[in-house]
């Protein structure tokens, strides 16, 4: 995409109110790019190189999340960029599932909502990126 990054395309999609679920496929996701992707509603990432079978599984998982059901429901709100509602739902999911990703999602969304400096959000993006990046 000459002159545009994937995040630029995603930003433009959201500006146009496009709510398409997005799967990011990348060899490396810098923490800040991860934070920006979440800001624009992405919750599914896959590492390159990727086989067709892995890509099929990831797309299927994006449609029927691999996260526990309460967290999955909350992440749908992130996909819709309804961050405040997502923060509340993820906090509830944390109480219900005690899934280790919940704390990170809560801290990341709280930072996004409070306009925390990106440098503060980068470690959260890095930790979540390592947790959600699907490898072959």
Protein backbone atom coordinates (compact mmCIF):
# COMPACT_ATOMS: atom_id res chain seq x y z
CA UNK A 1 0.00 0.00 0.00
CA UNK A 2 2.16 2.83 -1.23
CA UNK A 3 2.16 5.70 1.23
CA UNK A 4 -0.21 4.04 3.72
CA UNK A 5 0.35 1.72 6.63
CA UNK A 6 -2.19 -0.85 7.75
CA UNK A 7 -3.01 1.40 10.70
CA UNK A 8 -3.64 4.29 8.26
CA UNK A 9 -6.10 2.09 6.35
CA UNK A 10 -7.76 1.00 9.60
CA UNK A 11 -8.03 4.62 10.77
CA UNK A 12 -9.69 5.59 7.49
CA UNK A 13 -12.09 2.62 7.70
CA UNK A 14 -13.18 3.72 11.16
CA UNK A 15 -13.46 7.36 10.09
CA UNK A 16 -15.93 6.15 7.46
CA UNK A 17 -17.81 4.24 10.23
CA UNK A 18 -16.81 0.87 8.77
CA UNK A 19 -17.20 -1.70 11.56
CA UNK A 20 -15.64 -4.62 9.70
CA UNK A 21 -13.76 -6.99 12.01
CA UNK A 22 -10.06 -6.76 11.22
CA UNK A 23 -7.35 -9.38 11.62
CA UNK A 24 -3.83 -7.97 11.56
CA UNK A 25 -1.28 -10.23 9.89
CA UNK A 26 2.30 -9.10 10.47
CA UNK A 27 5.78 -10.50 11.02
CA UNK A 28 6.22 -8.08 13.92
CA UNK A 29 3.75 -5.81 15.68
CA UNK A 30 5.47 -2.92 17.40
CA UNK A 31 3.83 -2.19 20.77
CA UNK A 32 2.61 1.23 19.64
CA UNK A 33 1.03 -0.24 16.51
CA UNK A 34 -0.69 -2.81 18.74
CA UNK A 35 -2.07 0.00 20.91
CA UNK A 36 -3.28 1.93 17.85
CA UNK A 37 -4.88 -1.22 16.40
CA UNK A 38 -6.77 -1.81 19.66
CA UNK A 39 -7.77 1.86 19.71
CA UNK A 40 -9.41 1.25 16.33
CA UNK A 41 -11.12 -1.98 17.38
CA UNK A 42 -8.73 -4.80 16.44
CA UNK A 43 -8.49 -7.75 18.82
CA UNK A 44 -7.12 -10.48 16.52
CA UNK A 45 -3.51 -10.73 15.37
CA UNK A 46 -1.56 -13.41 13.45
CA UNK A 47 2.20 -13.71 12.88
CA UNK A 48 3.73 -14.07 9.42
CA UNK A 49 4.63 -16.32 7.76
CA UNK A 50 1.23 -17.92 8.02
CA UNK A 51 -0.12 -21.08 6.44
CA UNK A 52 -3.55 -21.23 4.86
CA UNK A 53 -4.78 -23.55 7.63
CA UNK A 54 -3.64 -21.14 10.34
CA UNK A 55 -5.22 -18.22 8.50
CA UNK A 56 -8.51 -20.13 8.25
CA UNK A 57 -8.39 -20.88 11.97
CA UNK A 58 -7.61 -17.27 12.85
CA UNK A 59 -10.46 -15.93 10.75
CA UNK A 60 -12.78 -18.51 12.29
CA UNK A 61 -11.52 -17.57 15.76
CA UNK A 62 -12.07 -13.89 14.97
CA UNK A 63 -15.68 -14.71 14.23
CA UNK A 64 -16.03 -17.01 17.26
CA UNK A 65 -13.35 -15.76 19.62
CA UNK A 66 -10.87 -18.07 21.37
CA UNK A 67 -11.24 -16.01 24.54
CA UNK A 68 -13.62 -17.13 27.32
CA UNK A 69 -17.21 -16.16 26.46
CA UNK A 70 -17.51 -13.17 28.86
CA UNK A 71 -14.23 -11.72 27.61
CA UNK A 72 -15.23 -12.44 24.00
CA UNK A 73 -18.44 -10.45 24.47
CA UNK A 74 -16.48 -7.57 25.97
CA UNK A 75 -13.96 -7.58 23.13
CA UNK A 76 -16.81 -7.23 20.64
CA UNK A 77 -17.33 -3.81 22.22
CA UNK A 78 -13.66 -3.03 21.52
CA UNK A 79 -14.28 -4.06 17.89
CA UNK A 80 -17.08 -1.49 17.83
CA UNK A 81 -14.80 1.12 19.45
CA UNK A 82 -17.17 1.34 22.43
CA UNK A 83 -14.21 1.55 24.80
CA UNK A 84 -16.01 2.72 27.94
CA UNK A 85 -18.56 -0.09 27.72
CA UNK A 86 -15.77 -2.54 26.89
CA UNK A 87 -13.80 -1.47 29.95
CA UNK A 88 -16.80 -2.13 32.19
CA UNK A 89 -17.57 -5.47 30.50
CA UNK A 90 -13.95 -6.64 30.69
CA UNK A 91 -13.86 -5.73 34.38
CA UNK A 92 -16.94 -7.91 34.87
CA UNK A 93 -15.40 -10.69 32.74
CA UNK A 94 -12.31 -10.54 34.95
CA UNK A 95 -14.44 -11.20 38.01
CA UNK A 96 -16.18 -14.08 36.26
CA UNK A 97 -13.28 -15.76 34.44
CA UNK A 98 -10.11 -14.54 36.16
CA UNK A 99 -8.50 -14.76 32.70
CA UNK A 100 -4.98 -13.36 32.82
CA UNK A 101 -5.57 -11.12 29.78
CA UNK A 102 -8.37 -9.21 31.51
CA UNK A 103 -6.01 -7.13 33.66
CA UNK A 104 -4.00 -6.10 30.62
CA UNK A 105 -7.11 -5.26 28.58
CA UNK A 106 -8.50 -3.19 31.48
CA UNK A 107 -5.24 -1.27 31.87
CA UNK A 108 -4.91 -0.70 28.11
CA UNK A 109 -8.50 0.52 27.65
CA UNK A 110 -8.25 2.69 30.75
CA UNK A 111 -5.12 4.25 29.27
CA UNK A 112 -6.80 4.78 25.90
CA UNK A 113 -9.82 6.43 27.54
CA UNK A 114 -7.66 8.69 29.71
CA UNK A 115 -5.46 9.64 26.72
CA UNK A 116 -2.40 8.28 28.49
CA UNK A 117 0.88 8.87 26.66
CA UNK A 118 1.54 6.17 24.10
CA UNK A 119 4.83 5.41 25.83
CA UNK A 120 2.86 4.31 28.91
CA UNK A 121 0.60 2.09 26.81
CA UNK A 122 3.42 0.44 24.85
CA UNK A 123 4.33 -2.15 27.53
CA UNK A 124 0.67 -3.19 27.73
CA UNK A 125 0.54 -3.46 23.96
CA UNK A 126 3.69 -5.55 24.01
CA UNK A 127 2.34 -7.91 26.68
CA UNK A 128 -1.04 -8.34 25.00
CA UNK A 129 0.62 -8.65 21.61
CA UNK A 130 2.72 -11.52 22.89
CA UNK A 131 -0.39 -13.13 24.39
CA UNK A 132 -2.73 -12.81 21.40
CA UNK A 133 -0.32 -13.19 18.50
CA UNK A 134 -1.19 -16.51 16.88
CA UNK A 135 1.75 -18.51 15.61
CA UNK A 136 1.72 -21.56 13.30
